[in-house]
Amino acid sequence: MADILIRKVDETTKKLLHRRAERRGKSLEADLRDTLEELASEEMQSSQDAELFGDWLVSISRPGVDLDDTLKLLRSATVRPATPE
């Protein structure tokens, strides 16, 4: 696991983040870690590193592919507006 150190955080910001963590029943460190993991996951889903749609479509179009997991994933995915590149 890597360590990240963030310096010069405004005291008010720190207090607000601490309150947020308490509401969630977590330590400040655990809440920030979870938040960073969510952000990284969102970035992966929208980044150039994500699987290309055409490749994905071909992979689920093969005979004998079980689409149950794919359909569950599609139904649970966050809907985001398309952004032109």
N, C-alpha and C. Protein backbone atom coordinates (compact mmCIF):
# COMPACT_ATOMS: atom_id res chain seq x y z
N MET A 1 0.84 -1.18 0.00
CA MET A 1 0.00 0.00 0.00
C MET A 1 0.89 1.25 0.00
N ALA A 2 0.43 2.25 -0.73
CA ALA A 2 1.17 3.51 -0.80
C ALA A 2 0.64 4.49 0.24
N ASP A 3 1.48 5.44 0.60
CA ASP A 3 1.09 6.51 1.51
C ASP A 3 0.96 7.80 0.72
N ILE A 4 -0.01 8.62 1.10
CA ILE A 4 -0.18 9.95 0.52
C ILE A 4 -0.24 10.94 1.67
N LEU A 5 0.55 12.00 1.56
CA LEU A 5 0.56 13.04 2.57
C LEU A 5 0.08 14.33 1.90
N ILE A 6 -0.94 14.95 2.49
CA ILE A 6 -1.45 16.20 1.96
C ILE A 6 -1.20 17.29 2.99
N ARG A 7 -0.43 18.28 2.60
CA ARG A 7 -0.08 19.38 3.51
C ARG A 7 -0.96 20.58 3.23
N LYS A 8 -0.99 21.48 4.21
CA LYS A 8 -1.64 22.79 4.10
C LYS A 8 -3.13 22.69 3.78
N VAL A 9 -3.81 21.79 4.48
CA VAL A 9 -5.27 21.70 4.38
C VAL A 9 -5.86 22.70 5.35
N ASP A 10 -6.80 23.50 4.88
CA ASP A 10 -7.45 24.50 5.72
C ASP A 10 -8.08 23.82 6.94
N GLU A 11 -7.93 24.43 8.10
CA GLU A 11 -8.43 23.85 9.35
C GLU A 11 -9.94 23.63 9.30
N THR A 12 -10.68 24.56 8.70
CA THR A 12 -12.13 24.39 8.58
C THR A 12 -12.47 23.18 7.71
N THR A 13 -11.73 23.02 6.62
CA THR A 13 -11.93 21.86 5.74
C THR A 13 -11.68 20.57 6.50
N LYS A 14 -10.63 20.55 7.28
CA LYS A 14 -10.30 19.35 8.06
C LYS A 14 -11.43 19.02 9.05
N LYS A 15 -11.95 20.04 9.73
CA LYS A 15 -13.04 19.82 10.68
C LYS A 15 -14.29 19.29 9.99
N LEU A 16 -14.61 19.87 8.84
CA LEU A 16 -15.80 19.42 8.10
C LEU A 16 -15.64 17.98 7.61
N LEU A 17 -14.46 17.63 7.14
CA LEU A 17 -14.20 16.26 6.71
C LEU A 17 -14.26 15.29 7.89
N HIS A 18 -13.78 15.74 9.04
CA HIS A 18 -13.83 14.90 10.23
C HIS A 18 -15.29 14.65 10.65
N ARG A 19 -16.12 15.68 10.60
CA ARG A 19 -17.55 15.51 10.91
C ARG A 19 -18.22 14.56 9.93
N ARG A 20 -17.87 14.70 8.68
CA ARG A 20 -18.43 13.80 7.66
C ARG A 20 -18.07 12.35 7.97
N ALA A 21 -16.82 12.11 8.34
CA ALA A 21 -16.37 10.77 8.68
C ALA A 21 -17.12 10.24 9.90
N GLU A 22 -17.31 11.09 10.89
CA GLU A 22 -18.04 10.66 12.09
C GLU A 22 -19.47 10.26 11.75
N ARG A 23 -20.13 11.04 10.88
CA ARG A 23 -21.50 10.70 10.48
C ARG A 23 -21.56 9.33 9.80
N ARG A 24 -20.50 8.98 9.13
CA ARG A 24 -20.43 7.70 8.44
C ARG A 24 -19.91 6.58 9.33
N GLY A 25 -19.57 6.93 10.57
CA GLY A 25 -19.08 5.92 11.50
C GLY A 25 -17.67 5.44 11.19
N LYS A 26 -16.86 6.32 10.61
CA LYS A 26 -15.51 5.95 10.23
C LYS A 26 -14.52 6.96 10.79
N SER A 27 -13.26 6.57 10.79
CA SER A 27 -12.21 7.52 11.12
C SER A 27 -12.01 8.43 9.92
N LEU A 28 -11.39 9.57 10.14
CA LEU A 28 -11.11 10.49 9.04
C LEU A 28 -10.27 9.78 7.97
N GLU A 29 -9.26 9.07 8.40
CA GLU A 29 -8.39 8.37 7.45
C GLU A 29 -9.16 7.34 6.63
N ALA A 30 -10.00 6.54 7.28
CA ALA A 30 -10.76 5.51 6.56
C ALA A 30 -11.75 6.13 5.58
N ASP A 31 -12.40 7.21 6.00
CA ASP A 31 -13.37 7.86 5.11
C ASP A 31 -12.67 8.47 3.89
N LEU A 32 -11.55 9.12 4.11
CA LEU A 32 -10.81 9.70 2.99
C LEU A 32 -10.27 8.62 2.06
N ARG A 33 -9.81 7.51 2.63
CA ARG A 33 -9.32 6.40 1.81
C ARG A 33 -10.45 5.87 0.93
N ASP A 34 -11.63 5.64 1.53
CA ASP A 34 -12.77 5.15 0.75
C ASP A 34 -13.16 6.14 -0.35
N THR A 35 -13.14 7.41 -0.03
CA THR A 35 -13.48 8.44 -1.01
C THR A 35 -12.48 8.45 -2.16
N LEU A 36 -11.20 8.35 -1.85
CA LEU A 36 -10.18 8.31 -2.89
C LEU A 36 -10.33 7.08 -3.77
N GLU A 37 -10.66 5.94 -3.17
CA GLU A 37 -10.86 4.72 -3.95
C GLU A 37 -12.06 4.85 -4.89
N GLU A 38 -13.14 5.48 -4.42
CA GLU A 38 -14.30 5.72 -5.27
C GLU A 38 -13.93 6.61 -6.45
N LEU A 39 -13.21 7.68 -6.17
CA LEU A 39 -12.79 8.60 -7.24
C LEU A 39 -11.90 7.90 -8.26
N ALA A 40 -10.99 7.09 -7.78
CA ALA A 40 -10.10 6.37 -8.68
C ALA A 40 -10.89 5.37 -9.53
N SER A 41 -11.88 4.73 -8.92
CA SER A 41 -12.72 3.78 -9.65
C SER A 41 -13.51 4.49 -10.74
N GLU A 42 -14.06 5.67 -10.43
CA GLU A 42 -14.79 6.45 -11.43
C GLU A 42 -13.87 6.86 -12.57
N GLU A 43 -12.65 7.24 -12.23
CA GLU A 43 -11.68 7.64 -13.25
C GLU A 43 -11.35 6.47 -14.16
N MET A 44 -11.19 5.30 -13.57
CA MET A 44 -10.88 4.11 -14.38
C MET A 44 -12.01 3.82 -15.34
N GLN A 45 -13.24 3.98 -14.88
CA GLN A 45 -14.39 3.69 -15.73
C GLN A 45 -14.50 4.66 -16.89
N SER A 46 -13.98 5.87 -16.74
CA SER A 46 -14.13 6.87 -17.78
C SER A 46 -12.82 7.18 -18.50
N SER A 47 -11.75 6.53 -18.14
CA SER A 47 -10.45 6.87 -18.71
C SER A 47 -10.18 6.13 -20.00
N GLN A 48 -9.11 6.51 -20.64
CA GLN A 48 -8.67 5.85 -21.87
C GLN A 48 -8.27 4.40 -21.59
N ASP A 49 -7.95 4.09 -20.33
CA ASP A 49 -7.54 2.74 -19.97
C ASP A 49 -8.71 1.77 -19.93
N ALA A 50 -9.92 2.28 -19.92
CA ALA A 50 -11.09 1.42 -19.86
C ALA A 50 -11.21 0.63 -21.16
N GLU A 51 -11.88 -0.49 -21.08
CA GLU A 51 -12.07 -1.33 -22.25
C GLU A 51 -12.86 -0.58 -23.32
N LEU A 52 -12.41 -0.68 -24.53
CA LEU A 52 -13.11 -0.03 -25.63
C LEU A 52 -14.47 -0.68 -25.86
N PHE A 53 -15.46 0.13 -26.19
CA PHE A 53 -16.83 -0.38 -26.34
C PHE A 53 -16.90 -1.48 -27.40
N GLY A 54 -16.24 -1.29 -28.51
CA GLY A 54 -16.26 -2.30 -29.57
C GLY A 54 -15.70 -3.63 -29.11
N ASP A 55 -14.59 -3.58 -28.36
CA ASP A 55 -13.99 -4.80 -27.83
C ASP A 55 -14.94 -5.49 -26.86
N TRP A 56 -15.59 -4.69 -26.02
CA TRP A 56 -16.54 -5.24 -25.06
C TRP A 56 -17.72 -5.88 -25.78
N LEU A 57 -18.23 -5.19 -26.79
CA LEU A 57 -19.38 -5.69 -27.54
C LEU A 57 -19.05 -7.02 -28.21
N VAL A 58 -17.88 -7.13 -28.80
CA VAL A 58 -17.46 -8.39 -29.42
C VAL A 58 -17.37 -9.48 -28.37
N SER A 59 -16.82 -9.15 -27.19
CA SER A 59 -16.63 -10.17 -26.15
C SER A 59 -17.96 -10.73 -25.64
N ILE A 60 -19.02 -9.93 -25.63
CA ILE A 60 -20.31 -10.46 -25.15
C ILE A 60 -21.16 -11.02 -26.28
N SER A 61 -20.70 -10.89 -27.52
CA SER A 61 -21.46 -11.36 -28.67
C SER A 61 -21.11 -12.78 -29.07
N ARG A 62 -20.15 -13.35 -28.44
CA ARG A 62 -19.71 -14.70 -28.81
C ARG A 62 -20.75 -15.73 -28.38
N PRO A 63 -20.92 -16.78 -29.19
CA PRO A 63 -21.88 -17.83 -28.83
C PRO A 63 -21.53 -18.46 -27.48
N GLY A 64 -22.55 -18.71 -26.68
CA GLY A 64 -22.36 -19.37 -25.41
C GLY A 64 -22.00 -18.46 -24.25
N VAL A 65 -21.90 -17.16 -24.48
CA VAL A 65 -21.56 -16.23 -23.40
C VAL A 65 -22.76 -16.05 -22.50
N ASP A 66 -22.53 -16.18 -21.18
CA ASP A 66 -23.59 -15.97 -20.20
C ASP A 66 -23.73 -14.47 -19.97
N LEU A 67 -24.88 -13.91 -20.34
CA LEU A 67 -25.07 -12.47 -20.26
C LEU A 67 -25.64 -12.00 -18.92
N ASP A 68 -25.92 -12.91 -17.99
CA ASP A 68 -26.50 -12.51 -16.71
C ASP A 68 -25.62 -11.49 -15.98
N ASP A 69 -24.32 -11.78 -15.87
CA ASP A 69 -23.42 -10.85 -15.17
C ASP A 69 -23.32 -9.52 -15.92
N THR A 70 -23.27 -9.59 -17.23
CA THR A 70 -23.19 -8.36 -18.03
C THR A 70 -24.43 -7.51 -17.84
N LEU A 71 -25.60 -8.13 -17.85
CA LEU A 71 -26.84 -7.38 -17.66
C LEU A 71 -26.92 -6.78 -16.26
N LYS A 72 -26.48 -7.50 -15.24
CA LYS A 72 -26.45 -6.95 -13.89
C LYS A 72 -25.55 -5.73 -13.82
N LEU A 73 -24.38 -5.83 -14.45
CA LEU A 73 -23.44 -4.72 -14.47
C LEU A 73 -24.04 -3.51 -15.19
N LEU A 74 -24.66 -3.74 -16.33
CA LEU A 74 -25.26 -2.64 -17.07
C LEU A 74 -26.39 -1.98 -16.29
N ARG A 75 -27.20 -2.77 -15.63
CA ARG A 75 -28.33 -2.22 -14.88
C ARG A 75 -27.89 -1.44 -13.64
N SER A 76 -26.74 -1.77 -13.10
CA SER A 76 -26.28 -1.09 -11.89
C SER A 76 -25.33 0.07 -12.18
N ALA A 77 -24.96 0.24 -13.44
CA ALA A 77 -23.99 1.28 -13.81
C ALA A 77 -24.61 2.67 -13.66
N THR A 78 -23.78 3.62 -13.29
CA THR A 78 -24.17 5.01 -13.19
C THR A 78 -24.34 5.56 -14.60
N VAL A 79 -25.45 6.23 -14.82
CA VAL A 79 -25.69 6.84 -16.14
C VAL A 79 -25.00 8.19 -16.17
N ARG A 80 -24.15 8.37 -17.16
CA ARG A 80 -23.43 9.63 -17.34
C ARG A 80 -23.67 10.14 -18.75
N PRO A 81 -23.77 11.45 -18.90
CA PRO A 81 -23.93 11.99 -20.25
C PRO A 81 -22.67 11.72 -21.09
N ALA A 82 -22.87 11.53 -22.37
CA ALA A 82 -21.73 11.32 -23.27
C ALA A 82 -20.97 12.63 -23.42
N THR A 83 -19.66 12.51 -23.46
CA THR A 83 -18.83 13.70 -23.67
C THR A 83 -18.02 13.51 -24.93
N PRO A 84 -18.10 14.44 -25.85
CA PRO A 84 -17.31 14.30 -27.08
C PRO A 84 -15.83 14.44 -26.79
N GLU A 85 -15.03 13.70 -27.51
CA GLU A 85 -13.57 13.77 -27.30
C GLU A 85 -12.91 14.41 -28.47
